[in-house]
């Protein structure tokens, strides 16, 4: 069981439906682009592969690499999309690290 869980807000933990430029559309107000479209179409959730995210925001990968380099085992550190937190956080998890590009969790620039 992992001791450290790393995640990010939904706006940065996505592949933007294959187009990075779509990430900037998340900056538009909900009046123009409803939240459903923003978070289901423009920035869909990442599906786990073998209980791990197949890709992650670069800062999370750097933190994971630093933890592994300092002696933690791969099984000690897990990077997951935010919608999987309730599946992996339990009483044995010591740390949950959350990366945000925008502290309001809205998008690249709010």
PDB file of N, CA and C in Angstrom:
ATOM      1  N   UNK A   1       0.838  -1.185   0.000  1.00  0.00           N
ATOM      2  CA  UNK A   1       0.000   0.000   0.000  1.00  0.00           C
ATOM      3  C   UNK A   1       0.884   1.250   0.000  1.00  0.00           C
ATOM      4  N   UNK A   2       0.556   2.230  -0.832  1.00  0.00           N
ATOM      5  CA  UNK A   2       1.396   3.435  -0.891  1.00  0.00           C
ATOM      6  C   UNK A   2       1.324   4.261   0.391  1.00  0.00           C
ATOM      7  N   UNK A   3       2.447   4.882   0.722  1.00  0.00           N
ATOM      8  CA  UNK A   3       2.514   5.780   1.879  1.00  0.00           C
ATOM      9  C   UNK A   3       2.290   7.231   1.444  1.00  0.00           C
ATOM     10  N   UNK A   4       2.609   7.514   0.178  1.00  0.00           N
ATOM     11  CA  UNK A   4       2.525   8.875  -0.345  1.00  0.00           C
ATOM     12  C   UNK A   4       1.658   8.862  -1.601  1.00  0.00           C
ATOM     13  N   UNK A   5       0.643   9.715  -1.615  1.00  0.00           N
ATOM     14  CA  UNK A   5      -0.235   9.856  -2.774  1.00  0.00           C
ATOM     15  C   UNK A   5      -0.010  11.254  -3.342  1.00  0.00           C
ATOM     16  N   UNK A   6       0.215  11.339  -4.635  1.00  0.00           N
ATOM     17  CA  UNK A   6       0.383  12.619  -5.311  1.00  0.00           C
ATOM     18  C   UNK A   6      -0.748  12.796  -6.325  1.00  0.00           C
ATOM     19  N   UNK A   7      -1.294  13.993  -6.384  1.00  0.00           N
ATOM     20  CA  UNK A   7      -2.362  14.285  -7.325  1.00  0.00           C
ATOM     21  C   UNK A   7      -2.292  15.738  -7.742  1.00  0.00           C
ATOM     22  N   UNK A   8      -3.235  16.138  -8.568  1.00  0.00           N
ATOM     23  CA  UNK A   8      -3.314  17.498  -9.063  1.00  0.00           C
ATOM     24  C   UNK A   8      -4.771  17.825  -9.292  1.00  0.00           C
ATOM     25  N   UNK A   9      -5.072  19.096  -9.527  1.00  0.00           N
ATOM     26  CA  UNK A   9      -6.446  19.464  -9.837  1.00  0.00           C
ATOM     27  C   UNK A   9      -6.825  18.922 -11.215  1.00  0.00           C
ATOM     28  N   UNK A  10      -8.106  18.769 -11.457  1.00  0.00           N
ATOM     29  CA  UNK A  10      -8.605  18.192 -12.706  1.00  0.00           C
ATOM     30  C   UNK A  10      -8.177  18.993 -13.933  1.00  0.00           C
ATOM     31  N   UNK A  11      -8.047  20.297 -13.792  1.00  0.00           N
ATOM     32  CA  UNK A  11      -7.692  21.136 -14.935  1.00  0.00           C
ATOM     33  C   UNK A  11      -6.274  20.878 -15.433  1.00  0.00           C
ATOM     34  N   UNK A  12      -5.399  20.362 -14.584  1.00  0.00           N
ATOM     35  CA  UNK A  12      -4.030  20.084 -15.036  1.00  0.00           C
ATOM     36  C   UNK A  12      -3.748  18.592 -15.166  1.00  0.00           C
ATOM     37  N   UNK A  13      -4.599  17.740 -14.600  1.00  0.00           N
ATOM     38  CA  UNK A  13      -4.374  16.292 -14.679  1.00  0.00           C
ATOM     39  C   UNK A  13      -5.256  15.706 -15.779  1.00  0.00           C
ATOM     40  N   UNK A  14      -4.953  16.048 -17.012  1.00  0.00           N
ATOM     41  CA  UNK A  14      -5.713  15.599 -18.166  1.00  0.00           C
ATOM     42  C   UNK A  14      -4.826  15.676 -19.393  1.00  0.00           C
ATOM     43  N   UNK A  15      -5.280  15.058 -20.479  1.00  0.00           N
ATOM     44  CA  UNK A  15      -4.557  15.216 -21.744  1.00  0.00           C
ATOM     45  C   UNK A  15      -5.288  16.178 -22.666  1.00  0.00           C
ATOM     46  N   UNK A  16      -6.286  16.902 -22.125  1.00  0.00           N
ATOM     47  CA  UNK A  16      -7.050  17.906 -22.869  1.00  0.00           C
ATOM     48  C   UNK A  16      -7.588  17.338 -24.188  1.00  0.00           C
ATOM     49  N   UNK A  17      -8.090  16.102 -24.117  1.00  0.00           N
ATOM     50  CA  UNK A  17      -8.638  15.425 -25.307  1.00  0.00           C
ATOM     51  C   UNK A  17      -7.641  15.408 -26.464  1.00  0.00           C
ATOM     52  N   UNK A  18      -6.354  15.348 -26.132  1.00  0.00           N
ATOM     53  CA  UNK A  18      -5.314  15.261 -27.156  1.00  0.00           C
ATOM     54  C   UNK A  18      -4.843  16.579 -27.719  1.00  0.00           C
ATOM     55  N   UNK A  19      -5.342  17.692 -27.206  1.00  0.00           N
ATOM     56  CA  UNK A  19      -4.930  19.002 -27.722  1.00  0.00           C
ATOM     57  C   UNK A  19      -4.643  19.947 -26.560  1.00  0.00           C
ATOM     58  N   UNK A  20      -3.374  20.249 -26.342  1.00  0.00           N
ATOM     59  CA  UNK A  20      -2.990  21.131 -25.231  1.00  0.00           C
ATOM     60  C   UNK A  20      -3.675  22.486 -25.308  1.00  0.00           C
ATOM     61  N   UNK A  21      -3.957  22.949 -26.508  1.00  0.00           N
ATOM     62  CA  UNK A  21      -4.597  24.260 -26.661  1.00  0.00           C
ATOM     63  C   UNK A  21      -5.971  24.294 -25.988  1.00  0.00           C
ATOM     64  N   UNK A  22      -6.631  23.139 -25.877  1.00  0.00           N
ATOM     65  CA  UNK A  22      -7.940  23.103 -25.218  1.00  0.00           C
ATOM     66  C   UNK A  22      -7.841  23.497 -23.746  1.00  0.00           C
ATOM     67  N   UNK A  23      -6.673  23.348 -23.161  1.00  0.00           N
ATOM     68  CA  UNK A  23      -6.491  23.731 -21.764  1.00  0.00           C
ATOM     69  C   UNK A  23      -6.816  25.188 -21.519  1.00  0.00           C
ATOM     70  N   UNK A  24      -6.527  26.026 -22.483  1.00  0.00           N
ATOM     71  CA  UNK A  24      -6.805  27.441 -22.314  1.00  0.00           C
ATOM     72  C   UNK A  24      -8.292  27.751 -22.393  1.00  0.00           C
ATOM     73  N   UNK A  25      -9.055  26.860 -23.010  1.00  0.00           N
ATOM     74  CA  UNK A  25     -10.505  27.072 -23.040  1.00  0.00           C
ATOM     75  C   UNK A  25     -11.108  26.899 -21.650  1.00  0.00           C
ATOM     76  N   UNK A  26     -10.370  26.255 -20.744  1.00  0.00           N
ATOM     77  CA  UNK A  26     -10.845  26.118 -19.372  1.00  0.00           C
ATOM     78  C   UNK A  26     -10.846  27.456 -18.643  1.00  0.00           C
ATOM     79  N   UNK A  27     -10.199  28.433 -19.216  1.00  0.00           N
ATOM     80  CA  UNK A  27     -10.167  29.773 -18.618  1.00  0.00           C
ATOM     81  C   UNK A  27     -11.447  30.554 -18.889  1.00  0.00           C
ATOM     82  N   UNK A  28     -12.251  30.066 -19.802  1.00  0.00           N
ATOM     83  CA  UNK A  28     -13.482  30.765 -20.140  1.00  0.00           C
ATOM     84  C   UNK A  28     -14.498  30.636 -19.006  1.00  0.00           C
ATOM     85  N   UNK A  29     -15.309  31.647 -18.808  1.00  0.00           N
ATOM     86  CA  UNK A  29     -16.305  31.576 -17.728  1.00  0.00           C
ATOM     87  C   UNK A  29     -17.367  30.524 -18.020  1.00  0.00           C
ATOM     88  N   UNK A  30     -17.941  29.977 -16.931  1.00  0.00           N
ATOM     89  CA  UNK A  30     -18.980  28.957 -17.053  1.00  0.00           C
ATOM     90  C   UNK A  30     -20.186  29.462 -17.841  1.00  0.00           C
ATOM     91  N   UNK A  31     -20.381  30.775 -17.893  1.00  0.00           N
ATOM     92  CA  UNK A  31     -21.490  31.323 -18.676  1.00  0.00           C
ATOM     93  C   UNK A  31     -21.308  31.026 -20.167  1.00  0.00           C
ATOM     94  N   UNK A  32     -20.054  30.975 -20.617  1.00  0.00           N
ATOM     95  CA  UNK A  32     -19.776  30.700 -22.032  1.00  0.00           C
ATOM     96  C   UNK A  32     -19.609  29.203 -22.303  1.00  0.00           C
ATOM     97  N   UNK A  33     -18.906  28.536 -21.407  1.00  0.00           N
ATOM     98  CA  UNK A  33     -18.668  27.106 -21.558  1.00  0.00           C
ATOM     99  C   UNK A  33     -19.025  26.447 -20.226  1.00  0.00           C
ATOM    100  N   UNK A  34     -20.138  25.734 -20.176  1.00  0.00           N
ATOM    101  CA  UNK A  34     -20.569  25.132 -18.908  1.00  0.00           C
ATOM    102  C   UNK A  34     -19.522  24.181 -18.322  1.00  0.00           C
ATOM    103  N   UNK A  35     -19.544  24.035 -17.019  1.00  0.00           N
ATOM    104  CA  UNK A  35     -18.583  23.168 -16.325  1.00  0.00           C
ATOM    105  C   UNK A  35     -18.604  21.756 -16.891  1.00  0.00           C
ATOM    106  N   UNK A  36     -19.778  21.251 -17.219  1.00  0.00           N
ATOM    107  CA  UNK A  36     -19.865  19.902 -17.780  1.00  0.00           C
ATOM    108  C   UNK A  36     -19.000  19.780 -19.036  1.00  0.00           C
ATOM    109  N   UNK A  37     -19.071  20.751 -19.920  1.00  0.00           N
ATOM    110  CA  UNK A  37     -18.273  20.722 -21.153  1.00  0.00           C
ATOM    111  C   UNK A  37     -16.796  20.871 -20.816  1.00  0.00           C
ATOM    112  N   UNK A  38     -16.485  21.775 -19.892  1.00  0.00           N
ATOM    113  CA  UNK A  38     -15.088  22.010 -19.543  1.00  0.00           C
ATOM    114  C   UNK A  38     -14.429  20.762 -18.965  1.00  0.00           C
ATOM    115  N   UNK A  39     -15.114  20.057 -18.069  1.00  0.00           N
ATOM    116  CA  UNK A  39     -14.461  18.962 -17.358  1.00  0.00           C
ATOM    117  C   UNK A  39     -14.785  17.575 -17.889  1.00  0.00           C
ATOM    118  N   UNK A  40     -15.728  17.440 -18.789  1.00  0.00           N
ATOM    119  CA  UNK A  40     -16.014  16.137 -19.388  1.00  0.00           C
ATOM    120  C   UNK A  40     -15.526  16.043 -20.832  1.00  0.00           C
ATOM    121  N   UNK A  41     -15.533  17.165 -21.547  1.00  0.00           N
ATOM    122  CA  UNK A  41     -15.140  17.166 -22.953  1.00  0.00           C
ATOM    123  C   UNK A  41     -13.732  17.726 -23.132  1.00  0.00           C
ATOM    124  N   UNK A  42     -13.497  18.925 -22.606  1.00  0.00           N
ATOM    125  CA  UNK A  42     -12.216  19.590 -22.816  1.00  0.00           C
ATOM    126  C   UNK A  42     -11.090  19.030 -21.957  1.00  0.00           C
ATOM    127  N   UNK A  43     -11.412  18.600 -20.744  1.00  0.00           N
ATOM    128  CA  UNK A  43     -10.377  18.043 -19.857  1.00  0.00           C
ATOM    129  C   UNK A  43     -10.898  16.772 -19.189  1.00  0.00           C
ATOM    130  N   UNK A  44     -11.062  15.704 -19.967  1.00  0.00           N
ATOM    131  CA  UNK A  44     -11.604  14.468 -19.400  1.00  0.00           C
ATOM    132  C   UNK A  44     -10.655  13.831 -18.388  1.00  0.00           C
ATOM    133  N   UNK A  45     -11.231  13.066 -17.492  1.00  0.00           N
ATOM    134  CA  UNK A  45     -10.443  12.381 -16.463  1.00  0.00           C
ATOM    135  C   UNK A  45      -9.523  11.344 -17.086  1.00  0.00           C
ATOM    136  N   UNK A  46      -8.385  11.179 -16.478  1.00  0.00           N
ATOM    137  CA  UNK A  46      -7.414  10.170 -16.885  1.00  0.00           C
ATOM    138  C   UNK A  46      -7.838   8.837 -16.279  1.00  0.00           C
ATOM    139  N   UNK A  47      -7.818   7.794 -17.074  1.00  0.00           N
ATOM    140  CA  UNK A  47      -8.134   6.453 -16.583  1.00  0.00           C
ATOM    141  C   UNK A  47      -6.842   5.760 -16.149  1.00  0.00           C
ATOM    142  N   UNK A  48      -6.888   5.059 -15.039  1.00  0.00           N
ATOM    143  CA  UNK A  48      -5.703   4.369 -14.535  1.00  0.00           C
ATOM    144  C   UNK A  48      -5.350   3.176 -15.412  1.00  0.00           C
ATOM    145  N   UNK A  49      -4.053   2.891 -15.478  1.00  0.00           N
ATOM    146  CA  UNK A  49      -3.530   1.711 -16.144  1.00  0.00           C
ATOM    147  C   UNK A  49      -2.700   0.974 -15.103  1.00  0.00           C
ATOM    148  N   UNK A  50      -3.087  -0.246 -14.778  1.00  0.00           N
ATOM    149  CA  UNK A  50      -2.420  -1.017 -13.718  1.00  0.00           C
ATOM    150  C   UNK A  50      -2.369  -0.235 -12.416  1.00  0.00           C
ATOM    151  N   UNK A  51      -3.474   0.397 -12.063  1.00  0.00           N
ATOM    152  CA  UNK A  51      -3.640   1.160 -10.816  1.00  0.00           C
ATOM    153  C   UNK A  51      -2.746   2.385 -10.710  1.00  0.00           C
ATOM    154  N   UNK A  52      -2.211   2.859 -11.834  1.00  0.00           N
ATOM    155  CA  UNK A  52      -1.380   4.067 -11.857  1.00  0.00           C
ATOM    156  C   UNK A  52      -1.825   4.953 -13.009  1.00  0.00           C
ATOM    157  N   UNK A  53      -1.598   6.237 -12.846  1.00  0.00           N
ATOM    158  CA  UNK A  53      -1.883   7.169 -13.941  1.00  0.00           C
ATOM    159  C   UNK A  53      -0.874   6.923 -15.059  1.00  0.00           C
ATOM    160  N   UNK A  54      -1.324   6.830 -16.311  1.00  0.00           N
ATOM    161  CA  UNK A  54      -0.391   6.598 -17.414  1.00  0.00           C
ATOM    162  C   UNK A  54       0.476   7.819 -17.722  1.00  0.00           C
ATOM    163  N   UNK A  55       0.049   8.982 -17.271  1.00  0.00           N
ATOM    164  CA  UNK A  55       0.835  10.205 -17.385  1.00  0.00           C
ATOM    165  C   UNK A  55       0.390  11.122 -16.261  1.00  0.00           C
ATOM    166  N   UNK A  56       1.207  12.119 -15.966  1.00  0.00           N
ATOM    167  CA  UNK A  56       0.906  13.028 -14.860  1.00  0.00           C
ATOM    168  C   UNK A  56       1.517  14.385 -15.147  1.00  0.00           C
ATOM    169  N   UNK A  57       1.038  15.419 -14.460  1.00  0.00           N
ATOM    170  CA  UNK A  57       1.676  16.729 -14.602  1.00  0.00           C
ATOM    171  C   UNK A  57       3.163  16.641 -14.245  1.00  0.00           C
ATOM    172  N   UNK A  58       3.962  17.340 -15.008  1.00  0.00           N
ATOM    173  CA  UNK A  58       5.422  17.287 -14.825  1.00  0.00           C
ATOM    174  C   UNK A  58       5.883  17.526 -13.382  1.00  0.00           C
ATOM    175  N   UNK A  59       5.340  18.523 -12.670  1.00  0.00           N
ATOM    176  CA  UNK A  59       5.800  18.720 -11.288  1.00  0.00           C
ATOM    177  C   UNK A  59       5.597  17.498 -10.396  1.00  0.00           C
ATOM    178  N   UNK A  60       4.519  16.759 -10.607  1.00  0.00           N
ATOM    179  CA  UNK A  60       4.304  15.548  -9.810  1.00  0.00           C
ATOM    180  C   UNK A  60       5.347  14.488 -10.144  1.00  0.00           C
ATOM    181  N   UNK A  61       5.701  14.385 -11.419  1.00  0.00           N
ATOM    182  CA  UNK A  61       6.733  13.427 -11.821  1.00  0.00           C
ATOM    183  C   UNK A  61       8.081  13.779 -11.196  1.00  0.00           C
ATOM    184  N   UNK A  62       8.377  15.073 -11.105  1.00  0.00           N
ATOM    185  CA  UNK A  62       9.632  15.506 -10.476  1.00  0.00           C
ATOM    186  C   UNK A  62       9.650  15.169  -8.981  1.00  0.00           C
ATOM    187  N   UNK A  63       8.513  15.378  -8.306  1.00  0.00           N
ATOM    188  CA  UNK A  63       8.429  15.036  -6.874  1.00  0.00           C
ATOM    189  C   UNK A  63       8.584  13.526  -6.697  1.00  0.00           C
ATOM    190  N   UNK A  64       7.898  12.756  -7.536  1.00  0.00           N
ATOM    191  CA  UNK A  64       8.023  11.300  -7.462  1.00  0.00           C
ATOM    192  C   UNK A  64       9.471  10.867  -7.672  1.00  0.00           C
ATOM    193  N   UNK A  65      10.138  11.432  -8.671  1.00  0.00           N
ATOM    194  CA  UNK A  65      11.541  11.087  -8.948  1.00  0.00           C
ATOM    195  C   UNK A  65      12.433  11.420  -7.759  1.00  0.00           C
ATOM    196  N   UNK A  66      12.193  12.570  -7.128  1.00  0.00           N
ATOM    197  CA  UNK A  66      12.997  12.958  -5.962  1.00  0.00           C
ATOM    198  C   UNK A  66      12.769  12.001  -4.804  1.00  0.00           C
ATOM    199  N   UNK A  67      11.527  11.591  -4.608  1.00  0.00           N
ATOM    200  CA  UNK A  67      11.234  10.640  -3.534  1.00  0.00           C
ATOM    201  C   UNK A  67      11.901   9.291  -3.793  1.00  0.00           C
ATOM    202  N   UNK A  68      11.841   8.819  -5.030  1.00  0.00           N
ATOM    203  CA  UNK A  68      12.488   7.548  -5.375  1.00  0.00           C
ATOM    204  C   UNK A  68      14.004   7.644  -5.230  1.00  0.00           C
ATOM    205  N   UNK A  69      14.567   8.774  -5.634  1.00  0.00           N
ATOM    206  CA  UNK A  69      16.019   8.973  -5.521  1.00  0.00           C
ATOM    207  C   UNK A  69      16.470   9.046  -4.069  1.00  0.00           C
ATOM    208  N   UNK A  70      15.554   9.463  -3.178  1.00  0.00           N
ATOM    209  CA  UNK A  70      15.948   9.580  -1.766  1.00  0.00           C
ATOM    210  C   UNK A  70      15.637   8.321  -0.956  1.00  0.00           C
ATOM    211  N   UNK A  71      15.241   7.247  -1.641  1.00  0.00           N
ATOM    212  CA  UNK A  71      15.120   5.972  -0.944  1.00  0.00           C
ATOM    213  C   UNK A  71      13.735   5.361  -0.856  1.00  0.00           C
ATOM    214  N   UNK A  72      12.717   6.088  -1.227  1.00  0.00           N
ATOM    215  CA  UNK A  72      11.383   5.487  -1.225  1.00  0.00           C
ATOM    216  C   UNK A  72      11.291   4.474  -2.353  1.00  0.00           C
ATOM    217  N   UNK A  73      10.489   3.446  -2.149  1.00  0.00           N
ATOM    218  CA  UNK A  73      10.275   2.439  -3.180  1.00  0.00           C
ATOM    219  C   UNK A  73       9.116   2.856  -4.073  1.00  0.00           C
ATOM    220  N   UNK A  74       9.079   2.321  -5.287  1.00  0.00           N
ATOM    221  CA  UNK A  74       8.005   2.645  -6.239  1.00  0.00           C
ATOM    222  C   UNK A  74       6.635   2.360  -5.634  1.00  0.00           C
ATOM    223  N   UNK A  75       6.520   1.305  -4.834  1.00  0.00           N
ATOM    224  CA  UNK A  75       5.235   0.964  -4.206  1.00  0.00           C
ATOM    225  C   UNK A  75       4.844   1.938  -3.100  1.00  0.00           C
ATOM    226  N   UNK A  76       5.794   2.759  -2.633  1.00  0.00           N
ATOM    227  CA  UNK A  76       5.503   3.739  -1.582  1.00  0.00           C
ATOM    228  C   UNK A  76       4.847   5.009  -2.118  1.00  0.00           C
ATOM    229  N   UNK A  77       5.022   5.265  -3.418  1.00  0.00           N
ATOM    230  CA  UNK A  77       4.570   6.522  -4.023  1.00  0.00           C
ATOM    231  C   UNK A  77       3.588   6.209  -5.147  1.00  0.00           C
ATOM    232  N   UNK A  78       2.449   6.886  -5.133  1.00  0.00           N
ATOM    233  CA  UNK A  78       1.438   6.654  -6.163  1.00  0.00           C
ATOM    234  C   UNK A  78       0.908   7.994  -6.664  1.00  0.00           C
ATOM    235  N   UNK A  79       0.904   8.160  -7.978  1.00  0.00           N
ATOM    236  CA  UNK A  79       0.322   9.354  -8.595  1.00  0.00           C
ATOM    237  C   UNK A  79      -1.012   8.945  -9.195  1.00  0.00           C
ATOM    238  N   UNK A  80      -2.067   9.642  -8.778  1.00  0.00           N
ATOM    239  CA  UNK A  80      -3.404   9.341  -9.298  1.00  0.00           C
ATOM    240  C   UNK A  80      -4.147  10.633  -9.631  1.00  0.00           C
ATOM    241  N   UNK A  81      -5.078  10.564 -10.586  1.00  0.00           N
ATOM    242  CA  UNK A  81      -5.935  11.723 -10.859  1.00  0.00           C
ATOM    243  C   UNK A  81      -6.820  12.010  -9.644  1.00  0.00           C
ATOM    244  N   UNK A  82      -7.300  13.228  -9.508  1.00  0.00           N
ATOM    245  CA  UNK A  82      -8.060  13.598  -8.313  1.00  0.00           C
ATOM    246  C   UNK A  82      -9.329  12.781  -8.102  1.00  0.00           C
ATOM    247  N   UNK A  83      -9.952  12.309  -9.167  1.00  0.00           N
ATOM    248  CA  UNK A  83     -11.180  11.545  -9.001  1.00  0.00           C
ATOM    249  C   UNK A  83     -10.948  10.147  -8.432  1.00  0.00           C
ATOM    250  N   UNK A  84      -9.709   9.720  -8.278  1.00  0.00           N
ATOM    251  CA  UNK A  84      -9.399   8.417  -7.696  1.00  0.00           C
ATOM    252  C   UNK A  84      -8.948   8.509  -6.238  1.00  0.00           C
ATOM    253  N   UNK A  85      -8.856   9.698  -5.678  1.00  0.00           N
ATOM    254  CA  UNK A  85      -8.357   9.845  -4.311  1.00  0.00           C
ATOM    255  C   UNK A  85      -9.141   9.010  -3.306  1.00  0.00           C
ATOM    256  N   UNK A  86     -10.446   8.998  -3.423  1.00  0.00           N
ATOM    257  CA  UNK A  86     -11.248   8.243  -2.446  1.00  0.00           C
ATOM    258  C   UNK A  86     -10.986   6.744  -2.534  1.00  0.00           C
ATOM    259  N   UNK A  87     -10.442   6.275  -3.654  1.00  0.00           N
ATOM    260  CA  UNK A  87     -10.130   4.852  -3.808  1.00  0.00           C
ATOM    261  C   UNK A  87      -8.790   4.472  -3.200  1.00  0.00           C
ATOM    262  N   UNK A  88      -7.888   5.436  -3.038  1.00  0.00           N
ATOM    263  CA  UNK A  88      -6.525   5.090  -2.621  1.00  0.00           C
ATOM    264  C   UNK A  88      -6.106   5.653  -1.266  1.00  0.00           C
ATOM    265  N   UNK A  89      -6.774   6.682  -0.797  1.00  0.00           N
ATOM    266  CA  UNK A  89      -6.394   7.257   0.500  1.00  0.00           C
ATOM    267  C   UNK A  89      -7.084   6.473   1.606  1.00  0.00           C
ATOM    268  N   UNK A  90      -6.269   5.946   2.510  1.00  0.00           N
ATOM    269  CA  UNK A  90      -6.799   5.226   3.665  1.00  0.00           C
ATOM    270  C   UNK A  90      -5.943   5.548   4.882  1.00  0.00           C
ATOM    271  N   UNK A  91      -6.151   4.838   5.957  1.00  0.00           N
ATOM    272  CA  UNK A  91      -5.449   5.133   7.218  1.00  0.00           C
ATOM    273  C   UNK A  91      -3.940   4.897   7.143  1.00  0.00           C
ATOM    274  N   UNK A  92      -3.484   4.130   6.162  1.00  0.00           N
ATOM    275  CA  UNK A  92      -2.051   3.845   6.032  1.00  0.00           C
ATOM    276  C   UNK A  92      -1.289   4.905   5.233  1.00  0.00           C
ATOM    277  N   UNK A  93      -1.996   5.790   4.556  1.00  0.00           N
ATOM    278  CA  UNK A  93      -1.354   6.849   3.773  1.00  0.00           C
ATOM    279  C   UNK A  93      -0.861   7.932   4.728  1.00  0.00           C
ATOM    280  N   UNK A  94       0.409   8.292   4.598  1.00  0.00           N
ATOM    281  CA  UNK A  94       1.002   9.297   5.485  1.00  0.00           C
ATOM    282  C   UNK A  94       0.913  10.705   4.909  1.00  0.00           C
ATOM    283  N   UNK A  95       1.009  10.824   3.570  1.00  0.00           N
ATOM    284  CA  UNK A  95       1.065  12.138   2.935  1.00  0.00           C
ATOM    285  C   UNK A  95       0.225  12.126   1.657  1.00  0.00           C
ATOM    286  N   UNK A  96      -0.538  13.196   1.476  1.00  0.00           N
ATOM    287  CA  UNK A  96      -1.208  13.441   0.196  1.00  0.00           C
ATOM    288  C   UNK A  96      -0.677  14.776  -0.313  1.00  0.00           C
ATOM    289  N   UNK A  97       0.043  14.727  -1.417  1.00  0.00           N
ATOM    290  CA  UNK A  97       0.597  15.935  -2.016  1.00  0.00           C
ATOM    291  C   UNK A  97      -0.259  16.357  -3.195  1.00  0.00           C
ATOM    292  N   UNK A  98      -0.612  17.644  -3.247  1.00  0.00           N
ATOM    293  CA  UNK A  98      -1.487  18.144  -4.297  1.00  0.00           C
ATOM    294  C   UNK A  98      -0.788  19.272  -5.048  1.00  0.00           C
ATOM    295  N   UNK A  99      -0.592  19.068  -6.341  1.00  0.00           N
ATOM    296  CA  UNK A  99      -0.012  20.101  -7.214  1.00  0.00           C
ATOM    297  C   UNK A  99      -1.146  20.937  -7.793  1.00  0.00           C
ATOM    298  N   UNK A 100      -0.977  22.235  -7.782  1.00  0.00           N
ATOM    299  CA  UNK A 100      -1.935  23.109  -8.453  1.00  0.00           C
ATOM    300  C   UNK A 100      -1.186  24.149  -9.264  1.00  0.00           C
ATOM    301  N   UNK A 101      -1.684  24.390 -10.454  1.00  0.00           N
ATOM    302  CA  UNK A 101      -1.166  25.475 -11.271  1.00  0.00           C
ATOM    303  C   UNK A 101      -1.877  26.751 -10.854  1.00  0.00           C
ATOM    304  N   UNK A 102      -3.138  26.588 -10.516  1.00  0.00           N
ATOM    305  CA  UNK A 102      -3.985  27.680 -10.066  1.00  0.00           C
ATOM    306  C   UNK A 102      -4.581  27.266  -8.720  1.00  0.00           C
ATOM    307  N   UNK A 103      -4.226  27.936  -7.629  1.00  0.00           N
ATOM    308  CA  UNK A 103      -4.727  27.546  -6.310  1.00  0.00           C
ATOM    309  C   UNK A 103      -6.252  27.499  -6.198  1.00  0.00           C
ATOM    310  N   UNK A 104      -6.951  28.200  -7.086  1.00  0.00           N
ATOM    311  CA  UNK A 104      -8.411  28.124  -7.085  1.00  0.00           C
ATOM    312  C   UNK A 104      -8.889  26.854  -7.784  1.00  0.00           C
ATOM    313  N   UNK A 105      -7.973  26.147  -8.458  1.00  0.00           N
ATOM    314  CA  UNK A 105      -8.301  24.901  -9.113  1.00  0.00           C
ATOM    315  C   UNK A 105      -9.210  25.060 -10.312  1.00  0.00           C
ATOM    316  N   UNK A 106      -9.194  26.221 -10.925  1.00  0.00           N
ATOM    317  CA  UNK A 106     -10.107  26.474 -12.035  1.00  0.00           C
ATOM    318  C   UNK A 106      -9.519  26.108 -13.383  1.00  0.00           C
ATOM    319  N   UNK A 107      -8.296  26.510 -13.631  1.00  0.00           N
ATOM    320  CA  UNK A 107      -7.695  26.280 -14.943  1.00  0.00           C
ATOM    321  C   UNK A 107      -6.291  26.866 -14.971  1.00  0.00           C
ATOM    322  N   UNK A 108      -5.629  26.833 -16.145  1.00  0.00           N
ATOM    323  CA  UNK A 108      -4.272  27.359 -16.212  1.00  0.00           C
ATOM    324  C   UNK A 108      -4.142  28.794 -15.704  1.00  0.00           C
ATOM    325  N   UNK A 109      -5.082  29.636 -16.040  1.00  0.00           N
ATOM    326  CA  UNK A 109      -5.064  31.001 -15.519  1.00  0.00           C
ATOM    327  C   UNK A 109      -6.499  31.405 -15.195  1.00  0.00           C
ATOM    328  N   UNK A 110      -6.741  31.810 -13.972  1.00  0.00           N
ATOM    329  CA  UNK A 110      -8.132  32.156 -13.618  1.00  0.00           C
ATOM    330  C   UNK A 110      -8.276  33.658 -13.545  1.00  0.00           C
TER     331      UNK A 110
END
